[in-house]
C-alpha atoms as a PDB file:
ATOM      1  CA  MET A   1     -24.068  21.578 -15.283  1.00  0.00           C
ATOM      2  CA  LYS A   2     -24.458  18.043 -16.618  1.00  0.00           C
ATOM      3  CA  LYS A   3     -21.414  18.511 -18.832  1.00  0.00           C
ATOM      4  CA  LEU A   4     -19.487  19.675 -15.775  1.00  0.00           C
ATOM      5  CA  THR A   5     -20.688  16.673 -13.817  1.00  0.00           C
ATOM      6  CA  ILE A   6     -19.684  14.286 -16.602  1.00  0.00           C
ATOM      7  CA  THR A   7     -16.253  15.916 -16.759  1.00  0.00           C
ATOM      8  CA  ILE A   8     -15.805  15.543 -13.011  1.00  0.00           C
ATOM      9  CA  LEU A   9     -16.896  11.904 -13.200  1.00  0.00           C
ATOM     10  CA  PHE A  10     -14.339  11.308 -15.949  1.00  0.00           C
ATOM     11  CA  ILE A  11     -11.568  12.816 -13.822  1.00  0.00           C
ATOM     12  CA  ILE A  12     -12.627  10.789 -10.797  1.00  0.00           C
ATOM     13  CA  THR A  13     -12.678   7.584 -12.835  1.00  0.00           C
ATOM     14  CA  ALA A  14      -9.176   8.305 -14.168  1.00  0.00           C
ATOM     15  CA  LEU A  15      -7.847   9.004 -10.685  1.00  0.00           C
ATOM     16  CA  THR A  16      -9.525   5.886  -9.329  1.00  0.00           C
ATOM     17  CA  VAL A  17      -7.974   3.643 -11.961  1.00  0.00           C
ATOM     18  CA  GLN A  18      -4.446   5.076 -11.870  1.00  0.00           C
ATOM     19  CA  ALA A  19      -3.985   5.557  -8.138  1.00  0.00           C
ATOM     20  CA  GLN A  20      -6.510   3.269  -6.539  1.00  0.00           C
ATOM     21  CA  ASP A  21      -4.261   1.324  -4.201  1.00  0.00           C
ATOM     22  CA  PRO A  22      -1.603   3.243  -2.257  1.00  0.00           C
ATOM     23  CA  ILE A  23       1.906   1.841  -2.646  1.00  0.00           C
ATOM     24  CA  PHE A  24       4.503   2.345   0.067  1.00  0.00           C
ATOM     25  CA  THR A  25       8.188   2.691  -0.730  1.00  0.00           C
ATOM     26  CA  GLN A  26       9.153   0.894   2.484  1.00  0.00           C
ATOM     27  CA  TYR A  27       7.228  -2.266   1.608  1.00  0.00           C
ATOM     28  CA  PHE A  28      10.186  -4.272   2.964  1.00  0.00           C
ATOM     29  CA  MET A  29       9.637  -2.704   6.420  1.00  0.00           C
ATOM     30  CA  VAL A  30       5.912  -3.508   6.513  1.00  0.00           C
ATOM     31  CA  PRO A  31       5.460  -6.221   3.855  1.00  0.00           C
ATOM     32  CA  GLN A  32       1.883  -6.804   4.989  1.00  0.00           C
ATOM     33  CA  THR A  33       0.976  -3.675   2.979  1.00  0.00           C
ATOM     34  CA  ILE A  34       1.371  -5.744  -0.208  1.00  0.00           C
ATOM     35  CA  ASN A  35       0.768  -9.332   0.972  1.00  0.00           C
ATOM     36  CA  PRO A  36      -1.430 -10.569   3.868  1.00  0.00           C
ATOM     37  CA  ALA A  37       0.733 -13.708   4.097  1.00  0.00           C
ATOM     38  CA  PHE A  38       3.272 -11.588   6.027  1.00  0.00           C
ATOM     39  CA  THR A  39       0.793 -11.290   8.919  1.00  0.00           C
ATOM     40  CA  ALA A  40       2.726 -12.110  12.131  1.00  0.00           C
ATOM     41  CA  PHE A  41       5.523 -13.403   9.909  1.00  0.00           C
ATOM     42  CA  MET A  42       8.054 -13.188  12.766  1.00  0.00           C
ATOM     43  CA  GLU A  43       5.688 -15.283  14.928  1.00  0.00           C
ATOM     44  CA  THR A  44       5.548 -12.528  17.545  1.00  0.00           C
ATOM     45  CA  THR A  45       3.235  -9.663  18.480  1.00  0.00           C
ATOM     46  CA  SER A  46       4.081  -6.441  16.665  1.00  0.00           C
ATOM     47  CA  ALA A  47       2.560  -3.084  15.776  1.00  0.00           C
ATOM     48  CA  GLY A  48       3.533  -0.205  13.547  1.00  0.00           C
ATOM     49  CA  VAL A  49       2.609   2.790  11.410  1.00  0.00           C
ATOM     50  CA  VAL A  50       3.746   4.140   8.034  1.00  0.00           C
ATOM     51  CA  HIS A  51       3.110   7.724   6.898  1.00  0.00           C
ATOM     52  CA  ARG A  52       3.594   8.766   3.262  1.00  0.00           C
ATOM     53  CA  SER A  53       3.517  12.404   2.085  1.00  0.00           C
ATOM     54  CA  GLN A  54       3.436  12.571  -1.719  1.00  0.00           C
ATOM     55  CA  TRP A  55       4.205  15.698  -3.797  1.00  0.00           C
ATOM     56  CA  PRO A  56       3.923  18.212  -0.906  1.00  0.00           C
ATOM     57  CA  ASP A  57       4.968  21.149  -3.146  1.00  0.00           C
ATOM     58  CA  ALA A  58       2.364  20.433  -5.854  1.00  0.00           C
ATOM     59  CA  LYS A  59      -1.361  21.208  -5.951  1.00  0.00           C
ATOM     60  CA  LEU A  60      -2.171  17.494  -5.985  1.00  0.00           C
ATOM     61  CA  LYS A  61      -0.978  16.539  -2.490  1.00  0.00           C
ATOM     62  CA  ILE A  62      -1.578  12.985  -1.340  1.00  0.00           C
ATOM     63  CA  ASN A  63      -1.104  11.688   2.208  1.00  0.00           C
ATOM     64  CA  SER A  64      -1.335   7.988   3.033  1.00  0.00           C
ATOM     65  CA  ASP A  65      -1.196   6.208   6.396  1.00  0.00           C
ATOM     66  CA  TYR A  66      -1.064   2.533   7.294  1.00  0.00           C
ATOM     67  CA  ALA A  67      -1.285   1.099  10.818  1.00  0.00           C
ATOM     68  CA  PHE A  68      -1.279  -2.534  11.896  1.00  0.00           C
ATOM     69  CA  LEU A  69      -1.304  -4.904  14.866  1.00  0.00           C
ATOM     70  CA  ASN A  70      -0.300  -8.555  14.437  1.00  0.00           C
ATOM     71  CA  THR A  71      -0.019 -11.493  16.815  1.00  0.00           C
ATOM     72  CA  TRP A  72       0.936 -15.161  16.558  1.00  0.00           C
ATOM     73  CA  SER A  73      -0.695 -18.244  18.114  1.00  0.00           C
ATOM     74  CA  GLU A  74       1.697 -21.160  18.415  1.00  0.00           C
ATOM     75  CA  ASP A  75      -1.126 -23.494  19.472  1.00  0.00           C
ATOM     76  CA  MET A  76      -3.090 -22.695  16.309  1.00  0.00           C
ATOM     77  CA  ASN A  77       0.035 -22.390  14.139  1.00  0.00           C
ATOM     78  CA  SER A  78      -1.534 -19.196  12.807  1.00  0.00           C
ATOM     79  CA  GLY A  79      -1.079 -15.451  12.582  1.00  0.00           C
ATOM     80  CA  PHE A  80      -3.832 -12.881  13.113  1.00  0.00           C
ATOM     81  CA  GLY A  81      -3.771  -9.213  12.208  1.00  0.00           C
ATOM     82  CA  VAL A  82      -5.792  -6.069  11.838  1.00  0.00           C
ATOM     83  CA  ASN A  83      -4.757  -3.043   9.779  1.00  0.00           C
ATOM     84  CA  PHE A  84      -6.122   0.364   8.859  1.00  0.00           C
ATOM     85  CA  LEU A  85      -5.418   2.287   5.648  1.00  0.00           C
ATOM     86  CA  SER A  86      -6.163   5.973   5.062  1.00  0.00           C
ATOM     87  CA  GLN A  87      -5.468   8.159   2.015  1.00  0.00           C
ATOM     88  CA  ARG A  88      -6.341  11.835   1.443  1.00  0.00           C
ATOM     89  CA  GLU A  89      -5.938  13.905  -1.719  1.00  0.00           C
ATOM     90  CA  SER A  90      -6.112  17.703  -1.525  1.00  0.00           C
ATOM     91  CA  PHE A  91      -7.229  18.733  -5.037  1.00  0.00           C
ATOM     92  CA  THR A  92     -10.568  16.866  -5.215  1.00  0.00           C
ATOM     93  CA  ASN A  93     -10.962  16.170  -1.464  1.00  0.00           C
ATOM     94  CA  TYR A  94     -10.871  12.458  -2.276  1.00  0.00           C
ATOM     95  CA  SER A  95     -10.364  10.200   0.737  1.00  0.00           C
ATOM     96  CA  LEU A  96     -10.091   6.463   1.270  1.00  0.00           C
ATOM     97  CA  SER A  97     -10.485   4.632   4.571  1.00  0.00           C
ATOM     98  CA  GLN A  98     -10.340   0.870   4.954  1.00  0.00           C
ATOM     99  CA  VAL A  99     -10.006  -1.557   7.858  1.00  0.00           C
ATOM    100  CA  ASN A 100      -8.967  -5.180   7.244  1.00  0.00           C
ATOM    101  CA  ALA A 101      -8.604  -8.368   9.246  1.00  0.00           C
ATOM    102  CA  SER A 102      -6.047 -10.905   8.044  1.00  0.00           C
ATOM    103  CA  TYR A 103      -5.253 -14.534   8.806  1.00  0.00           C
ATOM    104  CA  THR A 104      -2.346 -16.758   7.787  1.00  0.00           C
ATOM    105  CA  TYR A 105      -1.427 -20.380   8.462  1.00  0.00           C
ATOM    106  CA  ARG A 106       2.087 -21.883   8.565  1.00  0.00           C
ATOM    107  CA  VAL A 107       2.838 -25.139   6.779  1.00  0.00           C
ATOM    108  CA  GLN A 108       6.305 -26.739   6.949  1.00  0.00           C
ATOM    109  CA  ILE A 109       6.922 -28.347   3.550  1.00  0.00           C
ATOM    110  CA  SER A 110      10.559 -29.448   4.057  1.00  0.00           C
ATOM    111  CA  ASP A 111      13.414 -29.177   6.538  1.00  0.00           C
ATOM    112  CA  TYR A 112      14.067 -25.570   5.526  1.00  0.00           C
ATOM    113  CA  TRP A 113      11.021 -24.281   3.627  1.00  0.00           C
ATOM    114  CA  TYR A 114       7.672 -23.002   4.888  1.00  0.00           C
ATOM    115  CA  PHE A 115       4.410 -22.114   3.138  1.00  0.00           C
ATOM    116  CA  HIS A 116       2.008 -19.412   4.389  1.00  0.00           C
ATOM    117  CA  PRO A 117      -1.437 -19.148   2.729  1.00  0.00           C
ATOM    118  CA  ALA A 118      -3.444 -16.090   3.824  1.00  0.00           C
ATOM    119  CA  LEU A 119      -6.846 -14.465   3.610  1.00  0.00           C
ATOM    120  CA  GLU A 120      -7.805 -10.824   4.181  1.00  0.00           C
ATOM    121  CA  VAL A 121     -11.299  -9.316   4.449  1.00  0.00           C
ATOM    122  CA  GLY A 122     -12.295  -5.748   5.161  1.00  0.00           C
ATOM    123  CA  TYR A 123     -14.604  -2.822   4.682  1.00  0.00           C
ATOM    124  CA  GLY A 124     -13.662   0.319   2.762  1.00  0.00           C
ATOM    125  CA  SER A 125     -15.141   3.761   2.271  1.00  0.00           C
ATOM    126  CA  LYS A 126     -14.387   6.373  -0.398  1.00  0.00           C
ATOM    127  CA  SER A 127     -15.621   9.944  -0.501  1.00  0.00           C
ATOM    128  CA  TYR A 128     -15.363  13.159  -2.512  1.00  0.00           C
ATOM    129  CA  GLY A 129     -16.481  16.698  -1.717  1.00  0.00           C
ATOM    130  CA  PHE A 130     -19.714  16.550  -3.725  1.00  0.00           C
ATOM    131  CA  GLN A 131     -21.788  18.232  -1.019  1.00  0.00           C
ATOM    132  CA  ASN A 132     -21.252  21.683  -2.583  1.00  0.00           C
ATOM    133  CA  MET A 133     -22.300  20.634  -6.099  1.00  0.00           C
ATOM    134  CA  VAL A 134     -25.672  21.993  -7.312  1.00  0.00           C
ATOM    135  CA  LEU A 135     -27.508  20.299 -10.217  1.00  0.00           C
ATOM    136  CA  GLU A 136     -29.997  21.939 -12.572  1.00  0.00           C
ATOM    137  CA  ASP A 137     -33.217  20.562 -11.052  1.00  0.00           C
ATOM    138  CA  GLN A 138     -32.226  21.852  -7.603  1.00  0.00           C
ATOM    139  CA  ILE A 139     -32.453  25.495  -8.727  1.00  0.00           C
ATOM    140  CA  ASN A 140     -35.863  27.101  -8.196  1.00  0.00           C
ATOM    141  CA  ILE A 141     -35.705  30.326 -10.228  1.00  0.00           C
ATOM    142  CA  GLY A 142     -39.141  31.571  -9.185  1.00  0.00           C
ATOM    143  CA  SER A 143     -38.481  31.498  -5.466  1.00  0.00           C
ATOM    144  CA  GLY A 144     -34.719  31.924  -5.643  1.00  0.00           C
ATOM    145  CA  THR A 145     -34.129  28.845  -3.503  1.00  0.00           C
ATOM    146  CA  ILE A 146     -32.023  25.707  -3.816  1.00  0.00           C
ATOM    147  CA  ASP A 147     -33.626  22.321  -3.132  1.00  0.00           C
ATOM    148  CA  PRO A 148     -31.437  20.010  -1.021  1.00  0.00           C
ATOM    149  CA  THR A 149     -32.220  16.930  -3.158  1.00  0.00           C
ATOM    150  CA  SER A 150     -32.066  16.111  -6.862  1.00  0.00           C
ATOM    151  CA  SER A 151     -33.738  13.526  -9.111  1.00  0.00           C
ATOM    152  CA  ASP A 152     -31.065  13.938 -11.783  1.00  0.00           C
ATOM    153  CA  PRO A 153     -29.788  10.473 -12.869  1.00  0.00           C
ATOM    154  CA  LEU A 154     -26.256  11.814 -12.525  1.00  0.00           C
ATOM    155  CA  ALA A 155     -26.779  12.747  -8.876  1.00  0.00           C
ATOM    156  CA  LEU A 156     -23.758  11.669  -6.876  1.00  0.00           C
ATOM    157  CA  ASN A 157     -23.271  10.128  -3.487  1.00  0.00           C
ATOM    158  CA  ASN A 158     -20.696  11.840  -1.302  1.00  0.00           C
ATOM    159  CA  LYS A 159     -19.541   8.495   0.020  1.00  0.00           C
ATOM    160  CA  VAL A 160     -19.539   4.876  -1.094  1.00  0.00           C
ATOM    161  CA  GLY A 161     -18.828   1.844   1.095  1.00  0.00           C
ATOM    162  CA  TYR A 162     -17.855  -1.660   0.042  1.00  0.00           C
ATOM    163  CA  PHE A 163     -16.689  -5.037   1.333  1.00  0.00           C
ATOM    164  CA  ASP A 164     -13.306  -6.209   0.113  1.00  0.00           C
ATOM    165  CA  VAL A 165     -11.675  -9.642  -0.084  1.00  0.00           C
ATOM    166  CA  GLY A 166      -8.025 -10.477  -0.749  1.00  0.00           C
ATOM    167  CA  ALA A 167      -5.685 -13.475  -0.542  1.00  0.00           C
ATOM    168  CA  GLY A 168      -1.975 -14.166  -0.583  1.00  0.00           C
ATOM    169  CA  PHE A 169       0.718 -16.801  -0.208  1.00  0.00           C
ATOM    170  CA  LEU A 170       4.360 -16.944   0.800  1.00  0.00           C
ATOM    171  CA  PHE A 171       7.205 -19.452   0.521  1.00  0.00           C
ATOM    172  CA  ASN A 172      10.258 -18.791   2.695  1.00  0.00           C
ATOM    173  CA  ASN A 173      13.335 -20.154   4.416  1.00  0.00           C
ATOM    174  CA  GLU A 174      15.943 -18.407   6.583  1.00  0.00           C
ATOM    175  CA  ASP A 175      17.539 -16.578   3.665  1.00  0.00           C
ATOM    176  CA  CYS A 176      14.876 -15.778   1.080  1.00  0.00           C
ATOM    177  CA  TRP A 177      11.174 -15.557   0.343  1.00  0.00           C
ATOM    178  CA  ILE A 178       8.803 -15.298  -2.600  1.00  0.00           C
ATOM    179  CA  GLY A 179       5.092 -14.666  -2.502  1.00  0.00           C
ATOM    180  CA  GLY A 180       2.107 -13.190  -4.243  1.00  0.00           C
ATOM    181  CA  SER A 181      -1.222 -11.595  -3.485  1.00  0.00           C
ATOM    182  CA  LEU A 182      -4.523 -10.568  -5.068  1.00  0.00           C
ATOM    183  CA  ARG A 183      -6.623  -7.733  -3.689  1.00  0.00           C
ATOM    184  CA  HIS A 184     -10.266  -6.979  -4.536  1.00  0.00           C
ATOM    185  CA  LEU A 185     -11.080 -10.571  -5.515  1.00  0.00           C
ATOM    186  CA  ASN A 186     -14.780  -9.725  -5.297  1.00  0.00           C
ATOM    187  CA  LYS A 187     -14.354  -6.598  -7.501  1.00  0.00           C
ATOM    188  CA  PRO A 188     -16.516  -4.347  -5.289  1.00  0.00           C
ATOM    189  CA  ASN A 189     -18.644  -1.626  -6.885  1.00  0.00           C
ATOM    190  CA  ILE A 190     -17.118   1.809  -6.123  1.00  0.00           C
ATOM    191  CA  SER A 191     -19.345   3.967  -8.357  1.00  0.00           C
ATOM    192  CA  PHE A 192     -20.476   7.291  -6.869  1.00  0.00           C
ATOM    193  CA  THR A 193     -23.603   7.424  -9.053  1.00  0.00           C
ATOM    194  CA  MET A 194     -26.777   5.983  -7.554  1.00  0.00           C
ATOM    195  CA  ALA A 195     -27.326   3.337 -10.245  1.00  0.00           C
ATOM    196  CA  GLY A 196     -23.737   3.090 -11.435  1.00  0.00           C
ATOM    197  CA  ASN A 197     -21.532   0.017 -11.609  1.00  0.00           C
ATOM    198  CA  LEU A 198     -17.777   0.584 -11.468  1.00  0.00           C
ATOM    199  CA  PRO A 199     -15.967  -2.603 -10.340  1.00  0.00           C
ATOM    200  CA  LEU A 200     -12.703  -2.029  -8.527  1.00  0.00           C
ATOM    201  CA  ASP A 201      -9.910  -3.629 -10.547  1.00  0.00           C
ATOM    202  CA  MET A 202      -7.992  -6.437  -8.891  1.00  0.00           C
ATOM    203  CA  PHE A 203      -4.513  -5.571  -7.621  1.00  0.00           C
ATOM    204  CA  PHE A 204      -1.921  -8.284  -8.302  1.00  0.00           C
ATOM    205  CA  SER A 205       1.584  -8.391  -6.836  1.00  0.00           C
ATOM    206  CA  ILE A 206       4.583 -10.706  -6.741  1.00  0.00           C
ATOM    207  CA  ASN A 207       7.202 -10.017  -4.081  1.00  0.00           C
ATOM    208  CA  GLY A 208      10.512 -11.614  -3.211  1.00  0.00           C
ATOM    209  CA  GLY A 209      13.716 -11.018  -1.317  1.00  0.00           C
ATOM    210  CA  PHE A 210      17.077 -12.447  -0.378  1.00  0.00           C
ATOM    211  CA  GLU A 211      19.545 -11.703   2.404  1.00  0.00           C
ATOM    212  CA  THR A 212      23.104 -12.911   2.887  1.00  0.00           C
ATOM    213  CA  GLU A 213      25.942 -12.171   5.285  1.00  0.00           C
ATOM    214  CA  VAL A 214      28.701  -9.910   3.967  1.00  0.00           C
ATOM    215  CA  SER A 215      30.905  -9.769   7.061  1.00  0.00           C
ATOM    216  CA  ASN A 216      34.538  -9.238   6.021  1.00  0.00           C
ATOM    217  CA  SER A 217      37.353  -6.735   6.430  1.00  0.00           C
ATOM    218  CA  PHE A 218      35.143  -3.955   4.995  1.00  0.00           C
ATOM    219  CA  PHE A 219      31.976  -4.581   7.035  1.00  0.00           C
ATOM    220  CA  PRO A 220      31.405  -5.253  10.745  1.00  0.00           C
ATOM    221  CA  PHE A 221      30.545  -8.696  12.045  1.00  0.00           C
ATOM    222  CA  ASP A 222      27.060  -9.972  11.195  1.00  0.00           C
ATOM    223  CA  SER A 223      26.510  -7.385   8.434  1.00  0.00           C
ATOM    224  CA  LYS A 224      24.008  -8.400   5.766  1.00  0.00           C
ATOM    225  CA  LEU A 225      23.085  -7.534   2.214  1.00  0.00           C
ATOM    226  CA  LEU A 226      19.346  -7.339   1.501  1.00  0.00           C
ATOM    227  CA  ILE A 227      17.869  -7.591  -2.012  1.00  0.00           C
ATOM    228  CA  THR A 228      14.128  -6.989  -2.495  1.00  0.00           C
ATOM    229  CA  ALA A 229      11.815  -6.977  -5.506  1.00  0.00           C
ATOM    230  CA  ASN A 230       8.142  -6.128  -5.858  1.00  0.00           C
ATOM    231  CA  TYR A 231       6.014  -6.257  -9.021  1.00  0.00           C
ATOM    232  CA  MET A 232       2.492  -4.764  -8.978  1.00  0.00           C
ATOM    233  CA  GLN A 233      -0.271  -4.713 -11.600  1.00  0.00           C
ATOM    234  CA  GLN A 234      -3.710  -3.071 -11.500  1.00  0.00           C
ATOM    235  CA  SER A 235      -5.773  -2.698 -14.666  1.00  0.00           C
ATOM    236  CA  LYS A 236      -3.329  -1.699 -17.437  1.00  0.00           C
ATOM    237  CA  PHE A 237      -0.901  -0.002 -15.050  1.00  0.00           C
ATOM    238  CA  ASN A 238       2.061  -1.739 -13.459  1.00  0.00           C
ATOM    239  CA  ARG A 239       5.155  -0.998 -11.414  1.00  0.00           C
ATOM    240  CA  PHE A 240       8.330  -2.896 -10.575  1.00  0.00           C
ATOM    241  CA  ASP A 241      10.543  -1.966  -7.611  1.00  0.00           C
ATOM    242  CA  LEU A 242      14.034  -3.355  -7.139  1.00  0.00           C
ATOM    243  CA  GLY A 243      16.065  -2.509  -4.042  1.00  0.00           C
ATOM    244  CA  ALA A 244      19.362  -3.252  -2.337  1.00  0.00           C
ATOM    245  CA  GLY A 245      20.514  -2.358   1.161  1.00  0.00           C
ATOM    246  CA  LEU A 246      23.028  -3.064   3.914  1.00  0.00           C
ATOM    247  CA  ILE A 247      22.008  -4.036   7.442  1.00  0.00           C
ATOM    248  CA  PHE A 248      24.315  -3.583  10.412  1.00  0.00           C
ATOM    249  CA  GLU A 249      23.657  -4.210  14.093  1.00  0.00           C
ATOM    250  CA  ARG A 250      21.642  -1.039  14.644  1.00  0.00           C
ATOM    251  CA  PHE A 251      21.626   0.785  11.309  1.00  0.00           C
ATOM    252  CA  PHE A 252      20.464   0.026   7.794  1.00  0.00           C
ATOM    253  CA  PHE A 253      20.421   1.959   4.535  1.00  0.00           C
ATOM    254  CA  GLY A 254      19.882   1.322   0.844  1.00  0.00           C
ATOM    255  CA  VAL A 255      18.153   2.452  -2.330  1.00  0.00           C
ATOM    256  CA  ILE A 256      15.131   1.303  -4.349  1.00  0.00           C
ATOM    257  CA  ALA A 257      14.547   1.914  -8.056  1.00  0.00           C
ATOM    258  CA  ALA A 258      10.875   2.260  -9.065  1.00  0.00           C
ATOM    259  CA  THR A 259      10.129   1.485 -12.707  1.00  0.00           C
ATOM    260  CA  ASN A 260       7.121   1.583 -15.029  1.00  0.00           C
ATOM    261  CA  PRO A 261       7.465  -1.450 -17.361  1.00  0.00           C
ATOM    262  CA  ALA A 262       4.112  -0.888 -19.128  1.00  0.00           C
ATOM    263  CA  ARG A 263       4.903   2.732 -20.123  1.00  0.00           C
ATOM    264  CA  ASN A 264       1.263   3.402 -21.098  1.00  0.00           C
ATOM    265  CA  ASN A 265       2.267   6.913 -22.085  1.00  0.00           C
ATOM    266  CA  PRO A 266       4.850   6.835 -24.919  1.00  0.00           C
ATOM    267  CA  ASN A 267       6.681   9.734 -23.277  1.00  0.00           C
ATOM    268  CA  ALA A 268       6.754   8.107 -19.841  1.00  0.00           C
ATOM    269  CA  PRO A 269      10.230   7.110 -18.623  1.00  0.00           C
ATOM    270  CA  LEU A 270      10.986   3.540 -17.627  1.00  0.00           C
ATOM    271  CA  LEU A 271      12.616   4.715 -14.389  1.00  0.00           C
ATOM    272  CA  THR A 272      10.086   6.780 -12.419  1.00  0.00           C
ATOM    273  CA  SER A 273      11.990   7.420  -9.173  1.00  0.00           C
ATOM    274  CA  ILE A 274      15.132   6.664  -7.166  1.00  0.00           C
ATOM    275  CA  ASN A 275      14.290   6.068  -3.508  1.00  0.00           C
ATOM    276  CA  PRO A 276      17.097   6.120  -0.921  1.00  0.00           C
ATOM    277  CA  TYR A 277      16.220   4.959   2.594  1.00  0.00           C
ATOM    278  CA  PHE A 278      17.868   4.545   5.984  1.00  0.00           C
ATOM    279  CA  GLY A 279      16.857   3.627   9.499  1.00  0.00           C
ATOM    280  CA  VAL A 280      17.725   2.554  13.028  1.00  0.00           C
ATOM    281  CA  GLN A 281      16.783  -0.598  14.910  1.00  0.00           C
ATOM    282  CA  TYR A 282      17.246  -0.969  18.639  1.00  0.00           C
ATOM    283  CA  GLU A 283      15.672  -3.704  20.753  1.00  0.00           C
ATOM    284  CA  HIS A 284      11.892  -3.380  20.350  1.00  0.00           C
ATOM    285  CA  PHE A 285      11.956  -0.435  17.918  1.00  0.00           C
ATOM    286  CA  LYS A 286      12.692  -0.020  14.231  1.00  0.00           C
ATOM    287  CA  ILE A 287      12.460   3.438  12.598  1.00  0.00           C
ATOM    288  CA  GLY A 288      12.824   4.131   8.884  1.00  0.00           C
ATOM    289  CA  TYR A 289      12.782   7.076   6.482  1.00  0.00           C
ATOM    290  CA  SER A 290      12.785   7.165   2.674  1.00  0.00           C
ATOM    291  CA  TYR A 291      12.653   9.888   0.039  1.00  0.00           C
ATOM    292  CA  ASP A 292      11.496   9.303  -3.540  1.00  0.00           C
ATOM    293  CA  VAL A 293      13.398  11.398  -6.075  1.00  0.00           C
ATOM    294  CA  ILE A 294      11.022  11.724  -9.046  1.00  0.00           C
ATOM    295  CA  THR A 295      12.789  11.272 -12.392  1.00  0.00           C
ATOM    296  CA  ASN A 296       9.949  12.263 -14.738  1.00  0.00           C
ATOM    297  CA  SER A 297       8.951  15.769 -15.897  1.00  0.00           C
ATOM    298  CA  MET A 298       6.365  16.561 -13.212  1.00  0.00           C
ATOM    299  CA  GLY A 299       8.158  19.743 -12.309  1.00  0.00           C
ATOM    300  CA  ARG A 300       8.571  21.017  -8.768  1.00  0.00           C
ATOM    301  CA  ASN A 301       6.611  18.628  -6.551  1.00  0.00           C
ATOM    302  CA  GLY A 302       8.697  18.024  -3.421  1.00  0.00           C
ATOM    303  CA  GLY A 303       9.155  14.303  -4.043  1.00  0.00           C
ATOM    304  CA  VAL A 304       7.763  11.728  -1.641  1.00  0.00           C
ATOM    305  CA  HIS A 305       8.602  11.499   2.065  1.00  0.00           C
ATOM    306  CA  GLU A 306       7.859   8.327   4.001  1.00  0.00           C
ATOM    307  CA  PHE A 307       8.293   7.534   7.698  1.00  0.00           C
ATOM    308  CA  SER A 308       7.846   4.185   9.439  1.00  0.00           C
ATOM    309  CA  LEU A 309       7.803   3.164  13.093  1.00  0.00           C
ATOM    310  CA  LEU A 310       7.603  -0.473  14.204  1.00  0.00           C
ATOM    311  CA  TYR A 311       7.466  -2.050  17.651  1.00  0.00           C
ATOM    312  CA  GLN A 312       8.026  -5.759  18.335  1.00  0.00           C
ATOM    313  CA  PHE A 313       6.892  -6.811  21.801  1.00  0.00           C
ATOM    314  CA  ASP A 314       8.910 -10.039  22.129  1.00  0.00           C
ATOM    315  CA  TRP A 315      11.809  -9.035  19.922  1.00  0.00           C
ATOM    316  CA  GLU A 316      14.268 -11.598  21.348  1.00  0.00           C
ATOM    317  CA  LYS A 317      12.150 -14.532  20.182  1.00  0.00           C
ATOM    318  CA  LYS A 318      13.460 -16.338  17.095  1.00  0.00           C
ATOM    319  CA  CYS A 319      10.910 -17.751  14.680  1.00  0.00           C
ATOM    320  CA  GLN A 320      11.276 -20.887  12.575  1.00  0.00           C
ATOM    321  CA  GLY A 321      13.049 -20.167   9.312  1.00  0.00           C
ATOM    322  CA  CYS A 322      12.430 -16.418   9.139  1.00  0.00           C
ATOM    323  CA  PRO A 323      14.845 -13.980   7.490  1.00  0.00           C
ATOM    324  CA  ASP A 324      16.406 -12.020  10.358  1.00  0.00           C
ATOM    325  CA  TYR A 325      16.083  -8.581   8.788  1.00  0.00           C
ATOM    326  CA  PHE A 326      12.393  -8.319   9.732  1.00  0.00           C
END
C-alpha cells in the first residue's frame, strides 16, 4: 500500500509540475489570464468568461474556466479586478479553484507611452480524490473493520489551500504593448502530505503585441492586422506562442502557433499545436472560438476547444493610448 501511495504521489508531483498553471489559447482576448497589468486596460467596466475543453476524446480530460470582472476609476487613475479560475481533470479527479483580486496603476511616461504596474493576490485550493484510499494501519483484521483515520506518515489530505501573490507590468501606446508577469512570488506550499513541503514553482511570462491598419483594395476600411506573442516559463518547462490575425468591423480570425522551445523530451516536437481562431464583435459583446490542432504523437485526443464571451459596459468610451482591438 505504501508503494502504491508513493507511486501516486510521484504521478501527482509530475502532473503538478508540468500542468500547474492553465494556459488559454485566446490569451489575446482576455490578456489578464497571463498578466494582471491588463486589469481594466480599456479603462472601462467589463466582464467575461473563457471555457477550455482539453483532449475530450482521451482518458485524461481537462476542463478549465476563467471568469473576471474589471472596472476603472478615473479619479484614482487605477484599475480594479476580481477573477476566478477553475480546472478539473478526469483521470485523477484533480481540481484547482482560485479567486484573485488585482490592482493596476496608470503612469504616463511620455506623450504616447504609458506604464502599468500591477499586483495580484488570491487564495487557491487543490484537491484529489484521496477519500477512497485505505492505508495499512486503517485495516483491523480481527474485527474486519476499517478505521476512518490513519497515523501513517504518508497519510494524505484530500485538499490543500494556499495564499498566492503575483505581480506584473505593461508598457503600451496606441499601436503596441509589451509586458511581463510573475505568479506565485511567495512559492506557496501545495504538498498533500501532512508534513510535506512542495513549493509551487513561479510562473514567468513575457507578452507583447502589435496592430496596424491594412485598409487597401483587398481589405475593407479600418481593417487591422494583429500580431501577438507570449512566452511562458515554469520550472524547466516553457512555451512560446506566436499569432497573427485580421480584424474587421465585426469579425476577426487568425491562427496561433504554440511551440516548446525547451524540448525537455528529445522526441518532443518544437511545434506542439496549430490553433486557428475566429470571432464576432458587436457593440457590447465579443465572442471567440479557437481549436488547437495537436501536432505531436498523442493519438486520438479530440484537440482543444476554447470559447470566450466578453461584455464591455461602456464600449463607446475611448481610453488613453490603448490598442483598439481590445
